[in-house]
Amino acid sequence: MVKAGGVRKGSAAKGGTAAAGAEACRRKFLRYFPGGFADETYLDWERDYKWEAHERWEEALGRAELRRLLRAGEFAEIAARAVRVEQRTRHSMLFSFEKMALRDALKTEGGARAFAEGLYELLHGAGSLERRFNNWVEAVAGLPRRQTRVLTWPMVTVWGFLAQPRTHIFLKPKVTRAAAAKYGFDFPYKSRPSWETYSGLLDFAGRVREDNRDLHPRDMIDAQSFMWVQGSDEYPD
């Protein structure tokens, strides 16, 4: 049962302070987007361009095509296609220094191969999501590095988010930490990418979707966008 204008009972978080935080976040989101996740302005500002990026990913690197390119040893082509999908998004998800670091890392055959094979395992490999995510983190950590570090949260999470937005979520640390604090969610953030932090983010996304299920969130794009509205300077309180 939903309280008027509020989160569902027993869902947000335990304790009055946390529940109040979840309520305040919901009110803020609805202030900007009265129609919730179906609001036309929400679709224009937040959702549509992310879903369009996912559709471009499916065209360029859907499972069958990614597997075909891997079998053909086209590692550099896989990396180039992934980079192009991200570059074509209306709002870039990576900082310029991250793009520069990735470009340097992918110049070598070994770097492109590690990226391509690690990406396939993350998205389509066997085993638990935890194991696949940990292996992906290590693959990114092992990429060649010149001046700027490659292992950042946006770099580790953007590709899964573009490829599988029903499963994976994108992490911008500053915004996400601010959103969790406002929501009253205990987010176990660490600067080095790890499963502990990522699983905590998935839990946060699940909480947001459950608390606002009457607004009909579809996937992690809606959860990530809700968090973005809470923590980004683009949406003042």
Protein backbone atom coordinates (compact mmCIF):
# COMPACT_ATOMS: atom_id res chain seq x y z
CA MET A 1 0.00 0.00 0.00
CA VAL A 2 1.29 3.46 -0.88
CA LYS A 3 1.03 6.42 1.36
CA ALA A 4 -0.21 9.51 -0.43
CA GLY A 5 2.71 10.83 -2.45
CA GLY A 6 5.10 8.55 -0.63
CA VAL A 7 7.13 5.38 -0.66
CA ARG A 8 5.61 2.01 0.16
CA LYS A 9 5.41 1.02 3.78
CA GLY A 10 8.22 -1.19 4.96
CA SER A 11 10.27 -0.68 1.80
CA ALA A 12 12.40 2.42 1.93
CA ALA A 13 14.73 1.81 4.83
CA LYS A 14 14.50 1.09 8.49
CA GLY A 15 14.12 4.07 10.74
CA GLY A 16 12.33 7.37 10.44
CA THR A 17 15.33 9.30 9.14
CA ALA A 18 15.94 6.92 6.24
CA ALA A 19 12.24 6.75 5.37
CA ALA A 20 12.08 10.53 5.39
CA GLY A 21 15.07 10.65 3.04
CA ALA A 22 13.39 8.29 0.59
CA GLU A 23 10.20 10.37 0.74
CA ALA A 24 12.13 13.59 0.09
CA CYS A 25 13.92 12.05 -2.89
CA ARG A 26 10.65 10.89 -4.38
CA ARG A 27 9.12 14.35 -3.96
CA LYS A 28 12.13 15.94 -5.66
CA PHE A 29 11.94 13.54 -8.60
CA LEU A 30 8.22 14.20 -9.04
CA ARG A 31 8.74 17.93 -8.75
CA TYR A 32 10.92 17.81 -11.84
CA PHE A 33 8.95 15.05 -13.56
CA PRO A 34 5.31 15.00 -12.38
CA GLY A 35 4.53 12.11 -14.70
CA GLY A 36 7.20 9.95 -13.09
CA PHE A 37 9.13 7.61 -15.36
CA ALA A 38 6.58 8.16 -18.13
CA ASP A 39 6.91 11.95 -18.01
CA GLU A 40 7.67 13.40 -21.45
CA THR A 41 10.33 15.72 -20.09
CA TYR A 42 11.92 12.84 -18.19
CA LEU A 43 12.05 10.78 -21.36
CA ASP A 44 13.64 13.67 -23.24
CA TRP A 45 16.15 14.71 -20.59
CA GLU A 46 17.13 11.41 -19.03
CA ARG A 47 15.87 8.17 -20.50
CA ASP A 48 15.59 8.23 -24.28
CA TYR A 49 19.22 8.99 -25.12
CA LYS A 50 20.42 6.22 -22.80
CA TRP A 51 18.03 3.70 -24.35
CA GLU A 52 19.07 4.82 -27.82
CA ALA A 53 22.69 4.18 -26.83
CA HIS A 54 21.68 0.68 -25.77
CA GLU A 55 20.02 0.12 -29.14
CA ARG A 56 23.20 1.26 -30.90
CA TRP A 57 25.13 -1.21 -28.78
CA GLU A 58 22.81 -4.01 -29.81
CA GLU A 59 23.35 -3.12 -33.46
CA ALA A 60 27.12 -2.91 -33.12
CA LEU A 61 27.95 -5.51 -30.47
CA GLY A 62 24.98 -7.74 -29.80
CA ARG A 63 25.86 -11.14 -28.40
CA ALA A 64 26.11 -12.97 -31.71
CA GLU A 65 28.14 -10.22 -33.37
CA LEU A 66 30.46 -9.85 -30.39
CA ARG A 67 31.06 -13.61 -30.38
CA ARG A 68 31.73 -13.57 -34.13
CA LEU A 69 34.27 -10.78 -33.82
CA LEU A 70 36.00 -12.54 -30.95
CA ARG A 71 36.31 -15.77 -32.89
CA ALA A 72 37.76 -13.82 -35.81
CA GLY A 73 40.33 -12.18 -33.54
CA GLU A 74 38.91 -8.72 -34.26
CA PHE A 75 39.75 -7.37 -30.83
CA ALA A 76 40.58 -3.85 -31.95
CA GLU A 77 37.30 -3.68 -33.88
CA ILE A 78 35.33 -4.70 -30.79
CA ALA A 79 37.04 -2.00 -28.75
CA ALA A 80 36.51 0.61 -31.46
CA ARG A 81 32.81 -0.18 -31.75
CA ALA A 82 32.32 0.01 -27.99
CA VAL A 83 34.06 3.37 -27.86
CA ARG A 84 31.96 4.72 -30.74
CA VAL A 85 28.72 3.78 -29.01
CA GLU A 86 29.71 5.73 -25.91
CA GLN A 87 30.99 8.69 -27.94
CA ARG A 88 27.68 9.05 -29.74
CA THR A 89 25.61 9.46 -26.59
CA ARG A 90 24.07 12.91 -26.21
CA HIS A 91 25.80 13.36 -22.86
CA SER A 92 29.16 11.67 -22.51
CA MET A 93 29.37 9.17 -19.66
CA LEU A 94 33.16 9.25 -19.43
CA PHE A 95 35.46 12.10 -18.51
CA SER A 96 37.99 13.23 -21.12
CA PHE A 97 40.89 11.84 -19.08
CA GLU A 98 39.18 8.44 -18.97
CA LYS A 99 38.70 8.44 -22.72
CA MET A 100 42.34 9.37 -23.22
CA ALA A 101 43.49 6.58 -20.91
CA LEU A 102 41.31 4.05 -22.70
CA ARG A 103 42.49 5.16 -26.11
CA ASP A 104 46.11 4.69 -25.01
CA ALA A 105 45.35 1.28 -23.50
CA LEU A 106 43.64 0.01 -26.64
CA LYS A 107 46.46 0.98 -28.99
CA THR A 108 48.29 -2.25 -28.17
CA GLU A 109 47.12 -5.63 -29.42
CA GLY A 110 47.28 -7.03 -25.90
CA GLY A 111 45.22 -4.19 -24.50
CA ALA A 112 42.51 -4.51 -27.13
CA ARG A 113 42.36 -8.27 -26.63
CA ALA A 114 42.11 -8.02 -22.85
CA PHE A 115 39.34 -5.44 -23.17
CA ALA A 116 37.36 -7.45 -25.73
CA GLU A 117 37.64 -10.81 -24.00
CA GLY A 118 36.95 -9.33 -20.58
CA LEU A 119 33.90 -7.53 -21.92
CA TYR A 120 32.46 -10.69 -23.43
CA GLU A 121 32.93 -12.61 -20.19
CA LEU A 122 31.27 -9.84 -18.17
CA LEU A 123 28.24 -9.75 -20.44
CA HIS A 124 27.87 -13.35 -21.57
CA GLY A 125 30.24 -15.51 -19.56
CA ALA A 126 29.38 -18.42 -17.29
CA GLY A 127 29.26 -18.21 -13.53
CA SER A 128 27.87 -15.69 -11.09
CA LEU A 129 27.66 -11.97 -11.74
CA GLU A 130 30.05 -11.48 -8.83
CA ARG A 131 32.73 -13.65 -10.42
CA ARG A 132 32.28 -12.07 -13.84
CA PHE A 133 32.39 -8.55 -12.43
CA ASN A 134 35.53 -9.26 -10.41
CA ASN A 135 37.23 -10.72 -13.49
CA TRP A 136 36.23 -7.66 -15.49
CA VAL A 137 37.70 -5.33 -12.88
CA GLU A 138 40.98 -7.22 -13.03
CA ALA A 139 40.96 -7.10 -16.84
CA VAL A 140 40.54 -3.32 -16.79
CA ALA A 141 43.16 -2.97 -14.05
CA GLY A 142 45.61 -4.88 -16.24
CA LEU A 143 45.20 -2.69 -19.31
CA PRO A 144 48.35 -0.83 -20.42
CA ARG A 145 48.67 2.54 -18.75
CA ARG A 146 50.64 5.59 -19.76
CA GLN A 147 49.90 8.68 -17.71
CA THR A 148 46.27 8.41 -16.61
CA ARG A 149 44.64 5.52 -14.78
CA VAL A 150 42.15 3.38 -16.65
CA LEU A 151 40.57 1.73 -13.61
CA THR A 152 37.75 4.09 -12.63
CA TRP A 153 34.16 3.42 -11.70
CA PRO A 154 32.71 5.00 -14.86
CA MET A 155 35.10 2.97 -17.02
CA VAL A 156 34.23 -0.28 -15.29
CA THR A 157 30.44 0.22 -15.32
CA VAL A 158 29.56 2.13 -18.49
CA TRP A 159 29.86 -0.82 -20.90
CA GLY A 160 27.59 -3.15 -18.96
CA PHE A 161 25.06 -0.34 -18.60
CA LEU A 162 25.06 0.32 -22.34
CA ALA A 163 24.88 -3.37 -23.21
CA GLN A 164 22.50 -4.73 -20.57
CA PRO A 165 20.55 -1.95 -18.84
CA ARG A 166 18.18 -4.47 -17.29
CA THR A 167 21.10 -6.01 -15.38
CA HIS A 168 23.89 -3.46 -15.04
CA ILE A 169 24.01 0.08 -13.71
CA PHE A 170 26.37 3.00 -14.25
CA LEU A 171 28.28 4.53 -11.35
CA LYS A 172 29.42 8.13 -11.18
CA PRO A 173 30.89 8.22 -7.66
CA LYS A 174 30.19 11.81 -6.56
CA VAL A 175 26.60 11.91 -7.76
CA THR A 176 25.76 8.41 -6.56
CA ARG A 177 27.23 8.94 -3.11
CA ALA A 178 25.27 12.18 -2.75
CA ALA A 179 22.08 10.41 -3.84
CA ALA A 180 22.59 7.57 -1.35
CA ALA A 181 23.21 10.03 1.48
CA LYS A 182 20.02 11.94 0.68
CA TYR A 183 18.05 8.72 0.33
CA GLY A 184 19.29 7.35 3.64
CA PHE A 185 20.84 4.28 2.00
CA ASP A 186 24.04 2.85 3.47
CA PHE A 187 26.14 2.66 0.30
CA PRO A 188 29.46 0.81 0.86
CA TYR A 189 31.56 2.96 -1.47
CA LYS A 190 35.26 2.37 -2.09
CA SER A 191 37.24 4.28 -4.71
CA ARG A 192 38.80 1.15 -6.21
CA PRO A 193 36.17 -0.79 -8.15
CA SER A 194 35.05 -3.87 -6.22
CA TRP A 195 32.11 -6.23 -6.03
CA GLU A 196 31.26 -5.00 -2.53
CA THR A 197 30.56 -1.51 -3.82
CA TYR A 198 28.91 -2.62 -7.05
CA SER A 199 26.59 -5.08 -5.30
CA GLY A 200 25.71 -2.29 -2.88
CA LEU A 201 24.80 -0.10 -5.84
CA LEU A 202 22.62 -2.86 -7.28
CA ASP A 203 20.90 -3.09 -3.89
CA PHE A 204 20.37 0.67 -3.90
CA ALA A 205 18.88 0.49 -7.38
CA GLY A 206 16.61 -2.32 -6.27
CA ARG A 207 15.46 -0.27 -3.30
CA VAL A 208 14.69 2.72 -5.49
CA ARG A 209 12.72 0.58 -7.94
CA GLU A 210 10.78 -1.14 -5.17
CA ASP A 211 9.97 2.08 -3.32
CA ASN A 212 8.70 3.66 -6.52
CA ARG A 213 7.18 0.66 -8.25
CA ASP A 214 3.85 2.43 -8.59
CA LEU A 215 5.69 4.77 -10.99
CA HIS A 216 6.59 1.70 -13.08
CA PRO A 217 10.40 1.86 -13.42
CA ARG A 218 11.46 -0.34 -16.32
CA ASP A 219 15.12 -1.07 -15.73
CA MET A 220 18.42 0.27 -14.41
CA ILE A 221 18.19 3.30 -16.67
CA ASP A 222 15.26 4.52 -14.60
CA ALA A 223 17.01 3.68 -11.33
CA GLN A 224 20.22 5.43 -12.41
CA SER A 225 18.29 8.45 -13.65
CA PHE A 226 16.40 8.70 -10.35
CA MET A 227 19.75 8.69 -8.51
CA TRP A 228 21.14 11.28 -10.91
CA VAL A 229 18.28 13.65 -10.18
CA GLN A 230 19.05 13.39 -6.45
CA GLY A 231 22.82 13.90 -6.60
CA SER A 232 23.57 16.00 -9.66
CA ASP A 233 24.04 19.76 -9.64
CA GLU A 234 21.83 19.79 -12.75
CA TYR A 235 18.86 19.28 -10.42
CA PRO A 236 19.07 21.70 -7.49
CA ASP A 237 17.15 20.82 -4.35
